[in-house]
Amino acid sequence: MRKAKPKKRVILPDPVFNDQKVSKFVNHLMYDGKKNTSYEIFYKALDIVKAKMANEEKSALEIWKQALDNITPQVEVKSRRIGGATFQVPTEIRPDRKESVSMKNMIQFARKRGGKSMADRLAAEIMDAYNSQGGAFKRKEDMHRMAEANRAFAHFRF
């Protein structure tokens, strides 16, 4: 490699929960630098989750973290060209990428949902992911199924 690796940027924890993971999620959720708006959406979504899942003994933040864990993929397939043929090679995902992929999937499927506000849609997606269902969970299952189907090409790993 010619260039040095860029330094990892330090992400400050969020103001309410003092959690770095929340800040990363809000950064993914943000459009056009509107960080306050995305914080409002996230906190409102957690309030909705707390109200709808009052019978759970966990806090809304713990439910959100469990939902993220449920939709976090372990393996993905990458295209690799070998001798004129393109193979889908299953590879393990780095921990930081796992987190990023799961957050992006949750936000993407929340945006696709039907619902009044983004907070409502995000809350619904969080509850679905917590219960191991919904679009983001289905995406993870599809990724794992694809990797399993292409396990024969695992020896082409980079």
C-alpha atoms as a PDB file:
ATOM      1  CA  MET A   1       0.000   0.000   0.000  1.00  0.00           C
ATOM      2  CA  ARG A   2       1.374   3.381  -0.992  1.00  0.00           C
ATOM      3  CA  LYS A   3      -0.646   5.607   1.301  1.00  0.00           C
ATOM      4  CA  ALA A   4      -0.805   5.378   5.063  1.00  0.00           C
ATOM      5  CA  LYS A   5      -4.114   4.318   6.557  1.00  0.00           C
ATOM      6  CA  PRO A   6      -6.229   7.302   7.615  1.00  0.00           C
ATOM      7  CA  LYS A   7      -6.687   7.774  11.357  1.00  0.00           C
ATOM      8  CA  LYS A   8      -9.945   6.566  12.885  1.00  0.00           C
ATOM      9  CA  ARG A   9     -12.057   9.524  13.889  1.00  0.00           C
ATOM     10  CA  VAL A  10     -13.176   9.692  17.493  1.00  0.00           C
ATOM     11  CA  ILE A  11     -16.964   9.806  17.741  1.00  0.00           C
ATOM     12  CA  LEU A  12     -18.217  11.578  20.834  1.00  0.00           C
ATOM     13  CA  PRO A  13     -20.937   9.855  22.891  1.00  0.00           C
ATOM     14  CA  ASP A  14     -24.490  11.169  22.612  1.00  0.00           C
ATOM     15  CA  PRO A  15     -25.838  13.678  25.168  1.00  0.00           C
ATOM     16  CA  VAL A  16     -28.714  11.618  26.645  1.00  0.00           C
ATOM     17  CA  PHE A  17     -27.410   8.042  27.030  1.00  0.00           C
ATOM     18  CA  ASN A  18     -23.694   8.898  26.878  1.00  0.00           C
ATOM     19  CA  ASP A  19     -23.263   6.064  24.373  1.00  0.00           C
ATOM     20  CA  GLN A  20     -20.978   6.039  21.325  1.00  0.00           C
ATOM     21  CA  LYS A  21     -23.114   3.487  19.469  1.00  0.00           C
ATOM     22  CA  VAL A  22     -26.081   5.883  19.571  1.00  0.00           C
ATOM     23  CA  SER A  23     -23.938   8.653  18.048  1.00  0.00           C
ATOM     24  CA  LYS A  24     -22.852   6.361  15.212  1.00  0.00           C
ATOM     25  CA  PHE A  25     -26.467   5.395  14.541  1.00  0.00           C
ATOM     26  CA  VAL A  26     -27.564   9.041  14.513  1.00  0.00           C
ATOM     27  CA  ASN A  27     -24.721   9.877  12.107  1.00  0.00           C
ATOM     28  CA  HIS A  28     -26.018   7.203   9.721  1.00  0.00           C
ATOM     29  CA  LEU A  29     -29.570   8.512  10.134  1.00  0.00           C
ATOM     30  CA  MET A  30     -28.587  12.118   9.428  1.00  0.00           C
ATOM     31  CA  TYR A  31     -29.376  13.934   6.169  1.00  0.00           C
ATOM     32  CA  ASP A  32     -27.634  17.153   5.058  1.00  0.00           C
ATOM     33  CA  GLY A  33     -25.819  17.683   8.363  1.00  0.00           C
ATOM     34  CA  LYS A  34     -29.076  17.936  10.339  1.00  0.00           C
ATOM     35  CA  LYS A  35     -27.785  16.147  13.424  1.00  0.00           C
ATOM     36  CA  ASN A  36     -30.283  17.688  15.876  1.00  0.00           C
ATOM     37  CA  THR A  37     -33.169  16.523  13.721  1.00  0.00           C
ATOM     38  CA  SER A  38     -31.815  12.977  13.597  1.00  0.00           C
ATOM     39  CA  TYR A  39     -31.265  12.984  17.390  1.00  0.00           C
ATOM     40  CA  GLU A  40     -34.911  14.051  17.818  1.00  0.00           C
ATOM     41  CA  ILE A  41     -36.086  11.255  15.495  1.00  0.00           C
ATOM     42  CA  PHE A  42     -34.003   8.654  17.344  1.00  0.00           C
ATOM     43  CA  TYR A  43     -35.062   9.694  20.853  1.00  0.00           C
ATOM     44  CA  LYS A  44     -38.717   9.930  19.782  1.00  0.00           C
ATOM     45  CA  ALA A  45     -38.463   6.433  18.276  1.00  0.00           C
ATOM     46  CA  LEU A  46     -37.049   5.098  21.567  1.00  0.00           C
ATOM     47  CA  ASP A  47     -39.921   6.761  23.462  1.00  0.00           C
ATOM     48  CA  ILE A  48     -42.416   5.039  21.149  1.00  0.00           C
ATOM     49  CA  VAL A  49     -40.638   1.693  21.682  1.00  0.00           C
ATOM     50  CA  LYS A  50     -40.723   2.251  25.457  1.00  0.00           C
ATOM     51  CA  ALA A  51     -44.473   3.013  25.362  1.00  0.00           C
ATOM     52  CA  LYS A  52     -45.377   0.061  23.124  1.00  0.00           C
ATOM     53  CA  MET A  53     -43.144  -2.485  24.859  1.00  0.00           C
ATOM     54  CA  ALA A  54     -43.892  -1.507  28.449  1.00  0.00           C
ATOM     55  CA  ASN A  55     -44.245  -5.180  29.447  1.00  0.00           C
ATOM     56  CA  GLU A  56     -40.544  -5.802  28.676  1.00  0.00           C
ATOM     57  CA  GLU A  57     -38.186  -5.555  31.660  1.00  0.00           C
ATOM     58  CA  LYS A  58     -35.469  -4.013  29.446  1.00  0.00           C
ATOM     59  CA  SER A  59     -35.044  -0.294  28.814  1.00  0.00           C
ATOM     60  CA  ALA A  60     -35.688   1.143  25.326  1.00  0.00           C
ATOM     61  CA  LEU A  61     -31.929   1.499  24.751  1.00  0.00           C
ATOM     62  CA  GLU A  62     -31.335  -2.176  25.636  1.00  0.00           C
ATOM     63  CA  ILE A  63     -34.172  -3.191  23.294  1.00  0.00           C
ATOM     64  CA  TRP A  64     -32.541  -1.142  20.507  1.00  0.00           C
ATOM     65  CA  LYS A  65     -29.136  -2.739  21.161  1.00  0.00           C
ATOM     66  CA  GLN A  66     -30.679  -6.240  21.167  1.00  0.00           C
ATOM     67  CA  ALA A  67     -32.492  -5.395  17.910  1.00  0.00           C
ATOM     68  CA  LEU A  68     -29.178  -4.327  16.335  1.00  0.00           C
ATOM     69  CA  ASP A  69     -27.555  -7.575  17.510  1.00  0.00           C
ATOM     70  CA  ASN A  70     -30.414  -9.557  15.946  1.00  0.00           C
ATOM     71  CA  ILE A  71     -29.866  -7.977  12.526  1.00  0.00           C
ATOM     72  CA  THR A  72     -26.061  -8.014  12.568  1.00  0.00           C
ATOM     73  CA  PRO A  73     -24.717 -10.314   9.824  1.00  0.00           C
ATOM     74  CA  GLN A  74     -21.689 -12.530  10.508  1.00  0.00           C
ATOM     75  CA  VAL A  75     -20.699 -13.325   6.902  1.00  0.00           C
ATOM     76  CA  GLU A  76     -21.203 -11.695   3.522  1.00  0.00           C
ATOM     77  CA  VAL A  77     -20.409 -12.620  -0.063  1.00  0.00           C
ATOM     78  CA  LYS A  78     -17.911 -10.665  -2.136  1.00  0.00           C
ATOM     79  CA  SER A  79     -17.499 -11.007  -5.890  1.00  0.00           C
ATOM     80  CA  ARG A  80     -14.124 -12.391  -6.920  1.00  0.00           C
ATOM     81  CA  ARG A  81     -13.080 -12.834 -10.519  1.00  0.00           C
ATOM     82  CA  ILE A  82     -11.028 -15.958 -11.165  1.00  0.00           C
ATOM     83  CA  GLY A  83     -10.095 -17.133 -14.665  1.00  0.00           C
ATOM     84  CA  GLY A  84     -12.947 -15.447 -16.489  1.00  0.00           C
ATOM     85  CA  ALA A  85     -15.617 -16.569 -14.009  1.00  0.00           C
ATOM     86  CA  THR A  86     -17.010 -14.467 -11.186  1.00  0.00           C
ATOM     87  CA  PHE A  87     -17.547 -16.286  -7.903  1.00  0.00           C
ATOM     88  CA  GLN A  88     -19.477 -15.133  -4.870  1.00  0.00           C
ATOM     89  CA  VAL A  89     -16.943 -15.814  -2.121  1.00  0.00           C
ATOM     90  CA  PRO A  90     -18.242 -15.886   1.478  1.00  0.00           C
ATOM     91  CA  THR A  91     -16.076 -13.829   3.851  1.00  0.00           C
ATOM     92  CA  GLU A  92     -16.280 -12.939   7.526  1.00  0.00           C
ATOM     93  CA  ILE A  93     -17.142  -9.328   8.291  1.00  0.00           C
ATOM     94  CA  ARG A  94     -14.892  -7.112  10.424  1.00  0.00           C
ATOM     95  CA  PRO A  95     -16.541  -6.059  13.744  1.00  0.00           C
ATOM     96  CA  ASP A  96     -16.731  -2.346  12.856  1.00  0.00           C
ATOM     97  CA  ARG A  97     -18.273  -3.156   9.477  1.00  0.00           C
ATOM     98  CA  LYS A  98     -20.795  -5.523  11.102  1.00  0.00           C
ATOM     99  CA  GLU A  99     -22.029  -2.664  13.275  1.00  0.00           C
ATOM    100  CA  SER A 100     -22.162  -0.256  10.350  1.00  0.00           C
ATOM    101  CA  VAL A 101     -24.000  -2.690   8.049  1.00  0.00           C
ATOM    102  CA  SER A 102     -26.620  -3.503  10.685  1.00  0.00           C
ATOM    103  CA  MET A 103     -27.268   0.195  11.395  1.00  0.00           C
ATOM    104  CA  LYS A 104     -27.547   1.042   7.701  1.00  0.00           C
ATOM    105  CA  ASN A 105     -29.925  -1.873   7.092  1.00  0.00           C
ATOM    106  CA  MET A 106     -32.174  -0.852   9.987  1.00  0.00           C
ATOM    107  CA  ILE A 107     -32.360   2.736   8.733  1.00  0.00           C
ATOM    108  CA  GLN A 108     -32.858   1.690   5.108  1.00  0.00           C
ATOM    109  CA  PHE A 109     -35.783  -0.600   5.912  1.00  0.00           C
ATOM    110  CA  ALA A 110     -37.277   1.956   8.314  1.00  0.00           C
ATOM    111  CA  ARG A 111     -37.278   4.510   5.484  1.00  0.00           C
ATOM    112  CA  LYS A 112     -39.048   2.046   3.175  1.00  0.00           C
ATOM    113  CA  ARG A 113     -41.808   1.321   5.710  1.00  0.00           C
ATOM    114  CA  GLY A 114     -45.243   2.873   5.690  1.00  0.00           C
ATOM    115  CA  GLY A 115     -45.969   5.107   8.646  1.00  0.00           C
ATOM    116  CA  LYS A 116     -46.661   8.633   9.756  1.00  0.00           C
ATOM    117  CA  SER A 117     -43.265   9.965  10.790  1.00  0.00           C
ATOM    118  CA  MET A 118     -39.721   8.654  10.530  1.00  0.00           C
ATOM    119  CA  ALA A 119     -39.744   8.155  14.316  1.00  0.00           C
ATOM    120  CA  ASP A 120     -42.798   5.854  14.000  1.00  0.00           C
ATOM    121  CA  ARG A 121     -41.200   3.892  11.178  1.00  0.00           C
ATOM    122  CA  LEU A 122     -37.890   3.567  13.018  1.00  0.00           C
ATOM    123  CA  ALA A 123     -39.661   2.445  16.198  1.00  0.00           C
ATOM    124  CA  ALA A 124     -41.588  -0.190  14.231  1.00  0.00           C
ATOM    125  CA  GLU A 125     -38.375  -1.449  12.609  1.00  0.00           C
ATOM    126  CA  ILE A 126     -36.625  -1.596  16.021  1.00  0.00           C
ATOM    127  CA  MET A 127     -39.495  -3.630  17.499  1.00  0.00           C
ATOM    128  CA  ASP A 128     -39.555  -5.969  14.486  1.00  0.00           C
ATOM    129  CA  ALA A 129     -35.779  -6.487  14.677  1.00  0.00           C
ATOM    130  CA  TYR A 130     -36.054  -7.134  18.435  1.00  0.00           C
ATOM    131  CA  ASN A 131     -38.649  -9.828  17.691  1.00  0.00           C
ATOM    132  CA  SER A 132     -36.441 -11.303  14.904  1.00  0.00           C
ATOM    133  CA  GLN A 133     -38.651 -10.263  12.014  1.00  0.00           C
ATOM    134  CA  GLY A 134     -38.977  -7.374   9.573  1.00  0.00           C
ATOM    135  CA  GLY A 135     -36.991  -6.252   6.551  1.00  0.00           C
ATOM    136  CA  ALA A 136     -33.598  -5.785   8.185  1.00  0.00           C
ATOM    137  CA  PHE A 137     -33.732  -9.234   9.816  1.00  0.00           C
ATOM    138  CA  LYS A 138     -34.759 -10.764   6.482  1.00  0.00           C
ATOM    139  CA  ARG A 139     -31.752  -9.052   4.813  1.00  0.00           C
ATOM    140  CA  LYS A 140     -29.409 -10.644   7.367  1.00  0.00           C
ATOM    141  CA  GLU A 141     -30.988 -14.063   6.812  1.00  0.00           C
ATOM    142  CA  ASP A 142     -30.592 -13.623   3.032  1.00  0.00           C
ATOM    143  CA  MET A 143     -26.908 -12.698   3.426  1.00  0.00           C
ATOM    144  CA  HIS A 144     -26.305 -15.798   5.535  1.00  0.00           C
ATOM    145  CA  ARG A 145     -28.231 -18.009   3.096  1.00  0.00           C
ATOM    146  CA  MET A 146     -26.200 -16.640   0.176  1.00  0.00           C
ATOM    147  CA  ALA A 147     -22.935 -17.306   2.041  1.00  0.00           C
ATOM    148  CA  GLU A 148     -24.085 -20.835   2.899  1.00  0.00           C
ATOM    149  CA  ALA A 149     -25.023 -21.548  -0.724  1.00  0.00           C
ATOM    150  CA  ASN A 150     -21.600 -20.393  -1.928  1.00  0.00           C
ATOM    151  CA  ARG A 151     -19.603 -22.151   0.806  1.00  0.00           C
ATOM    152  CA  ALA A 152     -17.914 -24.281  -1.858  1.00  0.00           C
ATOM    153  CA  PHE A 153     -15.990 -21.189  -3.016  1.00  0.00           C
ATOM    154  CA  ALA A 154     -14.694 -20.328   0.466  1.00  0.00           C
ATOM    155  CA  HIS A 155     -11.189 -21.504  -0.519  1.00  0.00           C
ATOM    156  CA  PHE A 156     -10.977 -18.501  -2.909  1.00  0.00           C
ATOM    157  CA  ARG A 157     -10.951 -16.217   0.107  1.00  0.00           C
ATOM    158  CA  PHE A 158      -8.770 -13.122  -0.265  1.00  0.00           C
END
